[in-house]
């Protein structure tokens, strides 16, 4: 396959599939994106939090130094192309839970490695919160995932390159020169199915441990005139609506239902009230299943024997950040055979 002749079918229009579609179009490919529009998919429920720091151990997230210098400019470029707004920078305040945590964060603030990423909390900037020691995290923000996905869908629909339908693996057949699906022929098929990977006959040998999680939309008055992300175990992320925040998150290993449960909402609401000292009103409650993968490293690459079949999956909670790096990489691999980063290439399992 080459950059002049490619016709590519993408299955799944979550973050991975949508970003990949844009990247392939930019490289002159003829693409078709198929999605079943499952409203509780992990991308459609995602908060889109952009945070370079892992709280446990107060360390930089994997590939932080590659991701975050280019992250906001990546999405702002697509904002201009799609004529929509979906990316925002916000201050991020990490409130310490106890004295031991305060000491750990303070130690890391003084580490030269973290000079550009952490700074001491200015208490006057969060005096409206319950008074606790805190640290500011730099280079943070939020991708409005729902708006981004819808703008990509609208763009592709105008080009007749988007279909709302359930993909059936049994109807995808190998041909002499590629793959046939629904009477049409493709040079490549890329699976961006999230937890649908469990039922994929070509890639279901890739380990996946799905994890449920809740995100609440809440109203909280009187927590400052300047929007900021606030975190103390759970997090609050501002939206474009006044006094409206996204609240999360939790983990359900033994309950993979997408039906939200009242007890989970009550626990998160109680935490938000404790953090802010304000009345927290529930506006909406959704649950999704995250495609948690082995060693928290995404799955990218071509099937080892079935040439022309690719997977782009397992981006997890950092998907909004990782897509900016991995989507161009995946597109270059498909179109121009540029090698993938070894940490994400599924050939690492061979």
C-alpha atoms as a PDB file:
ATOM      1  CA  UNK A   1       0.000   0.000   0.000  1.00  0.00           C
ATOM      2  CA  UNK A   2       1.227   3.539  -0.722  1.00  0.00           C
ATOM      3  CA  UNK A   3       0.098   7.086  -0.057  1.00  0.00           C
ATOM      4  CA  UNK A   4      -1.485   7.467  -3.522  1.00  0.00           C
ATOM      5  CA  UNK A   5      -3.588   4.315  -3.623  1.00  0.00           C
ATOM      6  CA  UNK A   6      -4.888   3.827  -0.088  1.00  0.00           C
ATOM      7  CA  UNK A   7      -8.539   3.199   0.693  1.00  0.00           C
ATOM      8  CA  UNK A   8      -8.925   2.620   4.405  1.00  0.00           C
ATOM      9  CA  UNK A   9     -11.822   1.464   6.567  1.00  0.00           C
ATOM     10  CA  UNK A  10     -11.762   2.607  10.215  1.00  0.00           C
ATOM     11  CA  UNK A  11     -13.959   0.866  12.787  1.00  0.00           C
ATOM     12  CA  UNK A  12     -14.875   3.052  15.755  1.00  0.00           C
ATOM     13  CA  UNK A  13     -15.089   6.851  15.959  1.00  0.00           C
ATOM     14  CA  UNK A  14     -13.862   7.381  19.499  1.00  0.00           C
ATOM     15  CA  UNK A  15     -10.751   9.447  20.093  1.00  0.00           C
ATOM     16  CA  UNK A  16      -8.409   7.005  18.367  1.00  0.00           C
ATOM     17  CA  UNK A  17     -10.575   6.479  15.296  1.00  0.00           C
ATOM     18  CA  UNK A  18     -11.474  10.150  14.896  1.00  0.00           C
ATOM     19  CA  UNK A  19      -7.902  11.431  15.224  1.00  0.00           C
ATOM     20  CA  UNK A  20      -6.634   8.730  12.883  1.00  0.00           C
ATOM     21  CA  UNK A  21      -9.277   9.615  10.307  1.00  0.00           C
ATOM     22  CA  UNK A  22      -8.122  13.240  10.259  1.00  0.00           C
ATOM     23  CA  UNK A  23      -4.471  12.192   9.988  1.00  0.00           C
ATOM     24  CA  UNK A  24      -5.152   9.826   7.099  1.00  0.00           C
ATOM     25  CA  UNK A  25      -7.203  12.427   5.243  1.00  0.00           C
ATOM     26  CA  UNK A  26      -4.305  14.846   5.622  1.00  0.00           C
ATOM     27  CA  UNK A  27      -2.089  12.229   3.961  1.00  0.00           C
ATOM     28  CA  UNK A  28      -4.390  11.958   0.939  1.00  0.00           C
ATOM     29  CA  UNK A  29      -6.099   8.699   1.865  1.00  0.00           C
ATOM     30  CA  UNK A  30      -9.661   7.754   0.946  1.00  0.00           C
ATOM     31  CA  UNK A  31     -11.201   6.725   4.257  1.00  0.00           C
ATOM     32  CA  UNK A  32     -14.535   5.498   5.582  1.00  0.00           C
ATOM     33  CA  UNK A  33     -15.285   5.666   9.310  1.00  0.00           C
ATOM     34  CA  UNK A  34     -17.949   3.329  10.751  1.00  0.00           C
ATOM     35  CA  UNK A  35     -19.366   3.664  14.266  1.00  0.00           C
ATOM     36  CA  UNK A  36     -22.344   2.196  16.129  1.00  0.00           C
ATOM     37  CA  UNK A  37     -22.827   5.396  18.193  1.00  0.00           C
ATOM     38  CA  UNK A  38     -22.871   3.594  21.549  1.00  0.00           C
ATOM     39  CA  UNK A  39     -23.582   6.511  23.892  1.00  0.00           C
ATOM     40  CA  UNK A  40     -21.664   5.027  26.837  1.00  0.00           C
ATOM     41  CA  UNK A  41     -18.428   4.278  25.013  1.00  0.00           C
ATOM     42  CA  UNK A  42     -15.303   5.271  26.941  1.00  0.00           C
ATOM     43  CA  UNK A  43     -14.570   8.199  24.604  1.00  0.00           C
ATOM     44  CA  UNK A  44     -18.087   9.598  24.766  1.00  0.00           C
ATOM     45  CA  UNK A  45     -18.064   9.563  28.562  1.00  0.00           C
ATOM     46  CA  UNK A  46     -14.461  10.771  28.921  1.00  0.00           C
ATOM     47  CA  UNK A  47     -13.732  13.987  30.804  1.00  0.00           C
ATOM     48  CA  UNK A  48     -10.790  14.779  28.530  1.00  0.00           C
ATOM     49  CA  UNK A  49      -8.472  15.668  31.409  1.00  0.00           C
ATOM     50  CA  UNK A  50      -4.972  16.676  30.288  1.00  0.00           C
ATOM     51  CA  UNK A  51      -2.543  16.175  33.172  1.00  0.00           C
ATOM     52  CA  UNK A  52       1.200  15.462  32.879  1.00  0.00           C
ATOM     53  CA  UNK A  53       1.666  14.199  36.467  1.00  0.00           C
ATOM     54  CA  UNK A  54       0.926  10.796  38.004  1.00  0.00           C
ATOM     55  CA  UNK A  55       0.013  11.456  41.674  1.00  0.00           C
ATOM     56  CA  UNK A  56       1.414   8.170  42.945  1.00  0.00           C
ATOM     57  CA  UNK A  57       5.082   8.925  43.441  1.00  0.00           C
ATOM     58  CA  UNK A  58       4.531  12.426  41.977  1.00  0.00           C
ATOM     59  CA  UNK A  59       6.160  11.548  38.683  1.00  0.00           C
ATOM     60  CA  UNK A  60       5.759  12.598  35.088  1.00  0.00           C
ATOM     61  CA  UNK A  61       3.354  10.527  33.055  1.00  0.00           C
ATOM     62  CA  UNK A  62       4.746   8.162  30.422  1.00  0.00           C
ATOM     63  CA  UNK A  63       6.151  10.119  27.452  1.00  0.00           C
ATOM     64  CA  UNK A  64       5.324  13.396  29.170  1.00  0.00           C
ATOM     65  CA  UNK A  65       8.255  15.268  27.615  1.00  0.00           C
ATOM     66  CA  UNK A  66       7.080  14.264  24.135  1.00  0.00           C
ATOM     67  CA  UNK A  67       3.334  14.690  24.643  1.00  0.00           C
ATOM     68  CA  UNK A  68       2.801  17.959  26.438  1.00  0.00           C
ATOM     69  CA  UNK A  69       5.042  20.399  24.542  1.00  0.00           C
ATOM     70  CA  UNK A  70       2.963  19.710  21.398  1.00  0.00           C
ATOM     71  CA  UNK A  71      -0.388  18.699  22.872  1.00  0.00           C
ATOM     72  CA  UNK A  72      -2.340  21.953  22.837  1.00  0.00           C
ATOM     73  CA  UNK A  73      -1.026  23.107  19.459  1.00  0.00           C
ATOM     74  CA  UNK A  74      -2.076  19.734  18.003  1.00  0.00           C
ATOM     75  CA  UNK A  75      -5.721  20.133  18.965  1.00  0.00           C
ATOM     76  CA  UNK A  76      -5.781  23.853  18.201  1.00  0.00           C
ATOM     77  CA  UNK A  77      -4.704  23.034  14.667  1.00  0.00           C
ATOM     78  CA  UNK A  78      -7.751  20.795  14.320  1.00  0.00           C
ATOM     79  CA  UNK A  79      -9.925  23.495  15.909  1.00  0.00           C
ATOM     80  CA  UNK A  80      -8.952  25.772  13.031  1.00  0.00           C
ATOM     81  CA  UNK A  81      -9.534  23.090  10.416  1.00  0.00           C
ATOM     82  CA  UNK A  82     -12.925  22.080  11.859  1.00  0.00           C
ATOM     83  CA  UNK A  83     -13.952  25.619  12.865  1.00  0.00           C
ATOM     84  CA  UNK A  84     -14.904  24.482  16.387  1.00  0.00           C
ATOM     85  CA  UNK A  85     -13.622  25.063  19.928  1.00  0.00           C
ATOM     86  CA  UNK A  86     -12.818  22.020  22.065  1.00  0.00           C
ATOM     87  CA  UNK A  87      -9.454  22.508  23.821  1.00  0.00           C
ATOM     88  CA  UNK A  88      -8.770  24.658  26.921  1.00  0.00           C
ATOM     89  CA  UNK A  89      -5.805  25.254  29.214  1.00  0.00           C
ATOM     90  CA  UNK A  90      -6.595  25.373  32.930  1.00  0.00           C
ATOM     91  CA  UNK A  91      -4.591  25.745  36.142  1.00  0.00           C
ATOM     92  CA  UNK A  92      -4.481  22.420  38.023  1.00  0.00           C
ATOM     93  CA  UNK A  93      -4.516  22.437  41.814  1.00  0.00           C
ATOM     94  CA  UNK A  94      -3.569  19.182  43.527  1.00  0.00           C
ATOM     95  CA  UNK A  95      -4.729  19.334  47.154  1.00  0.00           C
ATOM     96  CA  UNK A  96      -2.705  17.169  49.524  1.00  0.00           C
ATOM     97  CA  UNK A  97      -4.644  14.572  51.498  1.00  0.00           C
ATOM     98  CA  UNK A  98      -2.275  14.384  54.485  1.00  0.00           C
ATOM     99  CA  UNK A  99       1.093  15.481  55.853  1.00  0.00           C
ATOM    100  CA  UNK A 100       2.958  12.608  54.209  1.00  0.00           C
ATOM    101  CA  UNK A 101       1.565  13.551  50.810  1.00  0.00           C
ATOM    102  CA  UNK A 102       2.482  17.197  51.388  1.00  0.00           C
ATOM    103  CA  UNK A 103       6.081  16.227  52.124  1.00  0.00           C
ATOM    104  CA  UNK A 104       6.230  14.083  48.997  1.00  0.00           C
ATOM    105  CA  UNK A 105       4.913  16.866  46.742  1.00  0.00           C
ATOM    106  CA  UNK A 106       7.149  19.475  48.374  1.00  0.00           C
ATOM    107  CA  UNK A 107      10.193  17.295  47.762  1.00  0.00           C
ATOM    108  CA  UNK A 108       9.293  16.944  44.094  1.00  0.00           C
ATOM    109  CA  UNK A 109       8.664  20.674  43.684  1.00  0.00           C
ATOM    110  CA  UNK A 110      12.307  21.213  44.636  1.00  0.00           C
ATOM    111  CA  UNK A 111      13.561  18.588  42.158  1.00  0.00           C
ATOM    112  CA  UNK A 112      15.123  20.286  39.075  1.00  0.00           C
ATOM    113  CA  UNK A 113      13.499  17.597  36.894  1.00  0.00           C
ATOM    114  CA  UNK A 114      10.066  18.962  37.873  1.00  0.00           C
ATOM    115  CA  UNK A 115      10.875  22.674  37.632  1.00  0.00           C
ATOM    116  CA  UNK A 116       8.695  23.224  34.552  1.00  0.00           C
ATOM    117  CA  UNK A 117       5.874  20.998  35.776  1.00  0.00           C
ATOM    118  CA  UNK A 118       5.204  21.817  39.442  1.00  0.00           C
ATOM    119  CA  UNK A 119       5.061  24.970  41.581  1.00  0.00           C
ATOM    120  CA  UNK A 120       4.080  25.758  45.143  1.00  0.00           C
ATOM    121  CA  UNK A 121       0.460  26.531  45.849  1.00  0.00           C
ATOM    122  CA  UNK A 122      -0.495  30.188  46.236  1.00  0.00           C
ATOM    123  CA  UNK A 123      -3.129  29.911  48.970  1.00  0.00           C
ATOM    124  CA  UNK A 124      -4.764  33.207  48.043  1.00  0.00           C
ATOM    125  CA  UNK A 125      -5.699  31.705  44.671  1.00  0.00           C
ATOM    126  CA  UNK A 126      -7.772  28.974  46.288  1.00  0.00           C
ATOM    127  CA  UNK A 127      -8.921  30.589  49.521  1.00  0.00           C
ATOM    128  CA  UNK A 128     -12.505  29.662  48.639  1.00  0.00           C
ATOM    129  CA  UNK A 129     -11.649  25.966  49.128  1.00  0.00           C
ATOM    130  CA  UNK A 130     -11.250  24.102  52.373  1.00  0.00           C
ATOM    131  CA  UNK A 131      -7.778  25.130  53.520  1.00  0.00           C
ATOM    132  CA  UNK A 132      -5.262  22.402  52.791  1.00  0.00           C
ATOM    133  CA  UNK A 133      -1.676  22.482  51.491  1.00  0.00           C
ATOM    134  CA  UNK A 134      -1.619  22.135  47.705  1.00  0.00           C
ATOM    135  CA  UNK A 135       0.636  22.162  44.656  1.00  0.00           C
ATOM    136  CA  UNK A 136       0.000  23.643  41.221  1.00  0.00           C
ATOM    137  CA  UNK A 137       0.621  21.433  38.186  1.00  0.00           C
ATOM    138  CA  UNK A 138       1.553  23.237  34.952  1.00  0.00           C
ATOM    139  CA  UNK A 139       0.573  22.504  31.327  1.00  0.00           C
ATOM    140  CA  UNK A 140      -2.877  21.111  32.168  1.00  0.00           C
ATOM    141  CA  UNK A 141      -6.283  21.468  30.583  1.00  0.00           C
ATOM    142  CA  UNK A 142      -9.271  19.723  29.113  1.00  0.00           C
ATOM    143  CA  UNK A 143     -10.262  18.373  25.720  1.00  0.00           C
ATOM    144  CA  UNK A 144     -14.032  18.623  25.259  1.00  0.00           C
ATOM    145  CA  UNK A 145     -14.171  15.131  23.815  1.00  0.00           C
ATOM    146  CA  UNK A 146     -17.872  15.157  22.907  1.00  0.00           C
ATOM    147  CA  UNK A 147     -17.536  18.366  20.908  1.00  0.00           C
ATOM    148  CA  UNK A 148     -14.377  17.102  19.204  1.00  0.00           C
ATOM    149  CA  UNK A 149     -15.957  13.779  18.205  1.00  0.00           C
ATOM    150  CA  UNK A 150     -19.082  15.477  16.903  1.00  0.00           C
ATOM    151  CA  UNK A 151     -17.083  17.970  14.856  1.00  0.00           C
ATOM    152  CA  UNK A 152     -15.118  15.131  13.235  1.00  0.00           C
ATOM    153  CA  UNK A 153     -18.336  13.242  12.542  1.00  0.00           C
ATOM    154  CA  UNK A 154     -19.919  16.316  10.949  1.00  0.00           C
ATOM    155  CA  UNK A 155     -16.828  16.922   8.828  1.00  0.00           C
ATOM    156  CA  UNK A 156     -16.722  13.345   7.552  1.00  0.00           C
ATOM    157  CA  UNK A 157     -20.479  13.177   7.031  1.00  0.00           C
ATOM    158  CA  UNK A 158     -20.267  16.180   4.695  1.00  0.00           C
ATOM    159  CA  UNK A 159     -17.684  14.221   2.707  1.00  0.00           C
ATOM    160  CA  UNK A 160     -19.799  11.016   2.710  1.00  0.00           C
ATOM    161  CA  UNK A 161     -17.058   9.295   4.699  1.00  0.00           C
ATOM    162  CA  UNK A 162     -18.991   8.461   7.894  1.00  0.00           C
ATOM    163  CA  UNK A 163     -21.577   5.753   8.494  1.00  0.00           C
ATOM    164  CA  UNK A 164     -23.618   4.992  11.594  1.00  0.00           C
ATOM    165  CA  UNK A 165     -23.941   1.214  11.655  1.00  0.00           C
ATOM    166  CA  UNK A 166     -22.857  -1.867  13.570  1.00  0.00           C
ATOM    167  CA  UNK A 167     -19.748  -3.435  12.109  1.00  0.00           C
ATOM    168  CA  UNK A 168     -19.898  -7.225  11.665  1.00  0.00           C
ATOM    169  CA  UNK A 169     -16.532  -8.959  11.721  1.00  0.00           C
ATOM    170  CA  UNK A 170     -17.892 -12.009   9.893  1.00  0.00           C
ATOM    171  CA  UNK A 171     -18.660  -9.847   6.865  1.00  0.00           C
ATOM    172  CA  UNK A 172     -15.058  -8.659   6.528  1.00  0.00           C
ATOM    173  CA  UNK A 173     -13.283 -10.990   4.092  1.00  0.00           C
ATOM    174  CA  UNK A 174      -9.779 -11.201   2.729  1.00  0.00           C
ATOM    175  CA  UNK A 175      -9.295 -10.764  -1.016  1.00  0.00           C
ATOM    176  CA  UNK A 176      -6.356 -11.072  -3.365  1.00  0.00           C
ATOM    177  CA  UNK A 177      -5.490  -7.385  -3.042  1.00  0.00           C
ATOM    178  CA  UNK A 178      -6.923  -6.390   0.333  1.00  0.00           C
ATOM    179  CA  UNK A 179     -10.199  -6.660   2.257  1.00  0.00           C
ATOM    180  CA  UNK A 180     -13.867  -6.586   1.295  1.00  0.00           C
ATOM    181  CA  UNK A 181     -16.653  -5.294   3.538  1.00  0.00           C
ATOM    182  CA  UNK A 182     -20.292  -4.647   2.591  1.00  0.00           C
ATOM    183  CA  UNK A 183     -19.464  -5.015  -1.092  1.00  0.00           C
ATOM    184  CA  UNK A 184     -16.638  -2.457  -1.006  1.00  0.00           C
ATOM    185  CA  UNK A 185     -12.886  -3.044  -1.202  1.00  0.00           C
ATOM    186  CA  UNK A 186     -10.216  -1.601   1.076  1.00  0.00           C
ATOM    187  CA  UNK A 187      -6.435  -1.676   1.208  1.00  0.00           C
ATOM    188  CA  UNK A 188      -6.520  -1.631   5.011  1.00  0.00           C
ATOM    189  CA  UNK A 189      -8.942  -2.011   7.909  1.00  0.00           C
ATOM    190  CA  UNK A 190      -8.111  -0.346  11.233  1.00  0.00           C
ATOM    191  CA  UNK A 191      -9.888  -1.449  14.407  1.00  0.00           C
ATOM    192  CA  UNK A 192     -10.383   1.334  16.974  1.00  0.00           C
ATOM    193  CA  UNK A 193     -13.141  -0.470  18.864  1.00  0.00           C
ATOM    194  CA  UNK A 194     -12.310   0.089  22.520  1.00  0.00           C
ATOM    195  CA  UNK A 195     -13.619  -2.851  24.541  1.00  0.00           C
ATOM    196  CA  UNK A 196     -15.061  -4.234  21.302  1.00  0.00           C
ATOM    197  CA  UNK A 197     -11.576  -5.665  20.839  1.00  0.00           C
ATOM    198  CA  UNK A 198     -12.693  -8.528  23.107  1.00  0.00           C
ATOM    199  CA  UNK A 199     -14.900  -9.787  20.272  1.00  0.00           C
ATOM    200  CA  UNK A 200     -12.467  -9.126  17.444  1.00  0.00           C
ATOM    201  CA  UNK A 201     -11.481 -12.467  15.850  1.00  0.00           C
ATOM    202  CA  UNK A 202      -8.089 -11.148  14.694  1.00  0.00           C
ATOM    203  CA  UNK A 203      -6.936  -9.208  17.757  1.00  0.00           C
ATOM    204  CA  UNK A 204      -8.747 -10.737  20.729  1.00  0.00           C
ATOM    205  CA  UNK A 205      -5.519 -12.412  21.839  1.00  0.00           C
ATOM    206  CA  UNK A 206      -4.330  -8.986  23.041  1.00  0.00           C
ATOM    207  CA  UNK A 207      -4.875  -8.835  26.792  1.00  0.00           C
ATOM    208  CA  UNK A 208      -7.622  -6.485  27.975  1.00  0.00           C
ATOM    209  CA  UNK A 209      -8.966  -5.959  31.484  1.00  0.00           C
ATOM    210  CA  UNK A 210     -12.023  -3.684  31.102  1.00  0.00           C
ATOM    211  CA  UNK A 211     -12.634  -1.313  34.002  1.00  0.00           C
ATOM    212  CA  UNK A 212     -15.847   0.573  34.705  1.00  0.00           C
ATOM    213  CA  UNK A 213     -15.827   4.221  35.727  1.00  0.00           C
ATOM    214  CA  UNK A 214     -18.327   6.993  36.530  1.00  0.00           C
ATOM    215  CA  UNK A 215     -18.319  10.633  35.518  1.00  0.00           C
ATOM    216  CA  UNK A 216     -20.798  13.088  36.991  1.00  0.00           C
ATOM    217  CA  UNK A 217     -21.859  16.488  35.712  1.00  0.00           C
ATOM    218  CA  UNK A 218     -22.439  18.719  38.740  1.00  0.00           C
ATOM    219  CA  UNK A 219     -23.283  22.281  39.729  1.00  0.00           C
ATOM    220  CA  UNK A 220     -21.042  23.888  42.371  1.00  0.00           C
ATOM    221  CA  UNK A 221     -21.416  27.606  43.182  1.00  0.00           C
ATOM    222  CA  UNK A 222     -18.854  29.935  44.703  1.00  0.00           C
ATOM    223  CA  UNK A 223     -15.584  28.158  43.904  1.00  0.00           C
ATOM    224  CA  UNK A 224     -13.791  31.038  42.295  1.00  0.00           C
ATOM    225  CA  UNK A 225     -14.126  33.260  39.268  1.00  0.00           C
ATOM    226  CA  UNK A 226     -11.153  31.724  37.435  1.00  0.00           C
ATOM    227  CA  UNK A 227     -11.794  28.173  36.181  1.00  0.00           C
ATOM    228  CA  UNK A 228      -9.352  25.569  37.448  1.00  0.00           C
ATOM    229  CA  UNK A 229      -9.021  21.817  37.735  1.00  0.00           C
ATOM    230  CA  UNK A 230      -9.129  20.691  41.368  1.00  0.00           C
ATOM    231  CA  UNK A 231      -7.963  17.280  42.567  1.00  0.00           C
ATOM    232  CA  UNK A 232      -7.755  15.420  45.848  1.00  0.00           C
ATOM    233  CA  UNK A 233      -8.044  11.750  44.846  1.00  0.00           C
ATOM    234  CA  UNK A 234     -11.192  12.662  42.897  1.00  0.00           C
ATOM    235  CA  UNK A 235     -11.070  15.544  40.412  1.00  0.00           C
ATOM    236  CA  UNK A 236     -13.259  18.434  39.315  1.00  0.00           C
ATOM    237  CA  UNK A 237     -12.864  19.743  35.769  1.00  0.00           C
ATOM    238  CA  UNK A 238     -14.525  23.001  34.606  1.00  0.00           C
ATOM    239  CA  UNK A 239     -16.802  23.141  31.591  1.00  0.00           C
ATOM    240  CA  UNK A 240     -17.923  26.089  29.480  1.00  0.00           C
ATOM    241  CA  UNK A 241     -21.099  26.355  31.584  1.00  0.00           C
ATOM    242  CA  UNK A 242     -20.931  28.649  34.606  1.00  0.00           C
ATOM    243  CA  UNK A 243     -20.442  26.750  37.899  1.00  0.00           C
ATOM    244  CA  UNK A 244     -20.756  23.399  36.096  1.00  0.00           C
ATOM    245  CA  UNK A 245     -18.006  20.788  36.512  1.00  0.00           C
ATOM    246  CA  UNK A 246     -17.246  17.217  35.573  1.00  0.00           C
ATOM    247  CA  UNK A 247     -16.586  15.058  38.621  1.00  0.00           C
ATOM    248  CA  UNK A 248     -14.768  11.728  38.701  1.00  0.00           C
ATOM    249  CA  UNK A 249     -13.460   9.204  38.877  1.00  0.00           C
ATOM    250  CA  UNK A 250     -13.694   5.711  40.307  1.00  0.00           C
ATOM    251  CA  UNK A 251     -12.949   2.148  39.236  1.00  0.00           C
ATOM    252  CA  UNK A 252     -15.162  -0.930  39.002  1.00  0.00           C
ATOM    253  CA  UNK A 253     -13.222  -4.124  38.413  1.00  0.00           C
ATOM    254  CA  UNK A 254     -16.058  -6.507  39.207  1.00  0.00           C
ATOM    255  CA  UNK A 255     -18.994  -4.581  37.779  1.00  0.00           C
ATOM    256  CA  UNK A 256     -18.738  -3.821  34.073  1.00  0.00           C
ATOM    257  CA  UNK A 257     -22.281  -2.549  33.619  1.00  0.00           C
ATOM    258  CA  UNK A 258     -22.760   0.807  31.886  1.00  0.00           C
ATOM    259  CA  UNK A 259     -25.801   1.490  34.064  1.00  0.00           C
ATOM    260  CA  UNK A 260     -24.867   4.085  36.726  1.00  0.00           C
ATOM    261  CA  UNK A 261     -25.636   3.275  40.365  1.00  0.00           C
ATOM    262  CA  UNK A 262     -26.856   5.784  42.931  1.00  0.00           C
ATOM    263  CA  UNK A 263     -24.354   4.756  45.602  1.00  0.00           C
ATOM    264  CA  UNK A 264     -21.455   5.636  43.320  1.00  0.00           C
ATOM    265  CA  UNK A 265     -22.893   9.071  42.610  1.00  0.00           C
ATOM    266  CA  UNK A 266     -23.454   9.670  46.306  1.00  0.00           C
ATOM    267  CA  UNK A 267     -19.834   8.782  47.127  1.00  0.00           C
ATOM    268  CA  UNK A 268     -18.440  11.127  44.486  1.00  0.00           C
ATOM    269  CA  UNK A 269     -20.809  13.954  45.471  1.00  0.00           C
ATOM    270  CA  UNK A 270     -19.733  13.618  49.097  1.00  0.00           C
ATOM    271  CA  UNK A 271     -16.074  13.878  48.088  1.00  0.00           C
ATOM    272  CA  UNK A 272     -16.723  16.990  45.986  1.00  0.00           C
ATOM    273  CA  UNK A 273     -18.577  18.640  48.870  1.00  0.00           C
ATOM    274  CA  UNK A 274     -15.692  17.807  51.208  1.00  0.00           C
ATOM    275  CA  UNK A 275     -13.107  19.238  48.810  1.00  0.00           C
ATOM    276  CA  UNK A 276     -14.964  22.467  48.009  1.00  0.00           C
ATOM    277  CA  UNK A 277     -16.995  23.085  51.157  1.00  0.00           C
ATOM    278  CA  UNK A 278     -19.971  23.886  48.922  1.00  0.00           C
ATOM    279  CA  UNK A 279     -23.333  22.341  48.055  1.00  0.00           C
ATOM    280  CA  UNK A 280     -22.871  20.012  45.078  1.00  0.00           C
ATOM    281  CA  UNK A 281     -25.900  19.318  42.866  1.00  0.00           C
ATOM    282  CA  UNK A 282     -25.996  16.337  40.515  1.00  0.00           C
ATOM    283  CA  UNK A 283     -26.984  17.202  36.936  1.00  0.00           C
ATOM    284  CA  UNK A 284     -26.081  13.992  35.090  1.00  0.00           C
ATOM    285  CA  UNK A 285     -24.431  10.632  35.806  1.00  0.00           C
ATOM    286  CA  UNK A 286     -22.828   8.346  33.225  1.00  0.00           C
ATOM    287  CA  UNK A 287     -20.703   5.216  33.365  1.00  0.00           C
ATOM    288  CA  UNK A 288     -18.423   3.713  30.732  1.00  0.00           C
ATOM    289  CA  UNK A 289     -16.016   0.801  30.410  1.00  0.00           C
ATOM    290  CA  UNK A 290     -12.392   1.746  29.899  1.00  0.00           C
ATOM    291  CA  UNK A 291     -10.261  -0.508  27.656  1.00  0.00           C
ATOM    292  CA  UNK A 292      -7.506  -1.130  30.204  1.00  0.00           C
ATOM    293  CA  UNK A 293      -4.556  -2.959  28.630  1.00  0.00           C
ATOM    294  CA  UNK A 294      -1.351  -4.759  29.585  1.00  0.00           C
ATOM    295  CA  UNK A 295       1.304  -2.573  31.260  1.00  0.00           C
ATOM    296  CA  UNK A 296      -0.797   0.501  30.357  1.00  0.00           C
ATOM    297  CA  UNK A 297       0.819   0.689  26.944  1.00  0.00           C
ATOM    298  CA  UNK A 298      -1.525   1.071  23.954  1.00  0.00           C
ATOM    299  CA  UNK A 299      -1.882  -1.479  21.169  1.00  0.00           C
ATOM    300  CA  UNK A 300      -0.859  -0.251  17.718  1.00  0.00           C
ATOM    301  CA  UNK A 301       0.197  -2.072  14.594  1.00  0.00           C
ATOM    302  CA  UNK A 302      -0.500  -4.559  11.846  1.00  0.00           C
ATOM    303  CA  UNK A 303      -1.591  -8.141  12.396  1.00  0.00           C
ATOM    304  CA  UNK A 304       1.408 -10.447  12.205  1.00  0.00           C
ATOM    305  CA  UNK A 305      -0.124 -12.701   9.513  1.00  0.00           C
ATOM    306  CA  UNK A 306      -3.228 -10.956   8.140  1.00  0.00           C
ATOM    307  CA  UNK A 307      -1.652  -8.085   6.258  1.00  0.00           C
ATOM    308  CA  UNK A 308      -3.798  -4.996   5.923  1.00  0.00           C
ATOM    309  CA  UNK A 309      -5.520  -5.450   9.299  1.00  0.00           C
ATOM    310  CA  UNK A 310      -4.442  -2.942  11.949  1.00  0.00           C
ATOM    311  CA  UNK A 311      -5.317  -2.216  15.564  1.00  0.00           C
ATOM    312  CA  UNK A 312      -5.261   1.163  17.344  1.00  0.00           C
ATOM    313  CA  UNK A 313      -6.598   0.635  20.844  1.00  0.00           C
ATOM    314  CA  UNK A 314      -6.005   0.695  24.590  1.00  0.00           C
ATOM    315  CA  UNK A 315      -5.214   4.379  25.090  1.00  0.00           C
ATOM    316  CA  UNK A 316      -6.978   4.333  28.472  1.00  0.00           C
ATOM    317  CA  UNK A 317      -7.388   7.300  30.809  1.00  0.00           C
ATOM    318  CA  UNK A 318      -4.606   9.224  29.034  1.00  0.00           C
ATOM    319  CA  UNK A 319      -6.240   8.892  25.619  1.00  0.00           C
ATOM    320  CA  UNK A 320      -6.810  12.625  25.119  1.00  0.00           C
ATOM    321  CA  UNK A 321      -3.078  13.216  25.591  1.00  0.00           C
ATOM    322  CA  UNK A 322      -1.791  10.140  23.793  1.00  0.00           C
ATOM    323  CA  UNK A 323      -3.836  10.645  20.618  1.00  0.00           C
ATOM    324  CA  UNK A 324      -1.881  13.762  19.744  1.00  0.00           C
ATOM    325  CA  UNK A 325       1.305  11.682  19.567  1.00  0.00           C
ATOM    326  CA  UNK A 326       0.058   8.265  18.480  1.00  0.00           C
ATOM    327  CA  UNK A 327      -2.414   9.221  15.732  1.00  0.00           C
ATOM    328  CA  UNK A 328       0.203  10.760  13.403  1.00  0.00           C
ATOM    329  CA  UNK A 329       2.489   7.840  14.211  1.00  0.00           C
ATOM    330  CA  UNK A 330      -0.212   5.311  13.340  1.00  0.00           C
ATOM    331  CA  UNK A 331      -1.065   7.112  10.106  1.00  0.00           C
ATOM    332  CA  UNK A 332       2.583   7.172   9.032  1.00  0.00           C
ATOM    333  CA  UNK A 333       2.886   3.470   9.789  1.00  0.00           C
ATOM    334  CA  UNK A 334      -0.160   2.580   7.683  1.00  0.00           C
ATOM    335  CA  UNK A 335       0.609   4.865   4.749  1.00  0.00           C
ATOM    336  CA  UNK A 336       4.398   5.019   4.602  1.00  0.00           C
ATOM    337  CA  UNK A 337       5.446   1.981   6.689  1.00  0.00           C
ATOM    338  CA  UNK A 338       7.261   4.171   9.226  1.00  0.00           C
ATOM    339  CA  UNK A 339       8.065   1.985  12.270  1.00  0.00           C
ATOM    340  CA  UNK A 340       6.022   2.439  15.428  1.00  0.00           C
ATOM    341  CA  UNK A 341       7.466   3.223  18.829  1.00  0.00           C
ATOM    342  CA  UNK A 342       8.539  -0.128  20.283  1.00  0.00           C
ATOM    343  CA  UNK A 343       6.556   0.445  23.495  1.00  0.00           C
ATOM    344  CA  UNK A 344       3.231   0.488  21.624  1.00  0.00           C
ATOM    345  CA  UNK A 345       3.904  -1.803  18.648  1.00  0.00           C
ATOM    346  CA  UNK A 346       1.976  -5.079  19.070  1.00  0.00           C
ATOM    347  CA  UNK A 347       4.960  -6.871  17.587  1.00  0.00           C
ATOM    348  CA  UNK A 348       6.436  -6.636  21.098  1.00  0.00           C
ATOM    349  CA  UNK A 349       4.268  -9.658  21.978  1.00  0.00           C
ATOM    350  CA  UNK A 350       5.643 -11.902  19.241  1.00  0.00           C
END
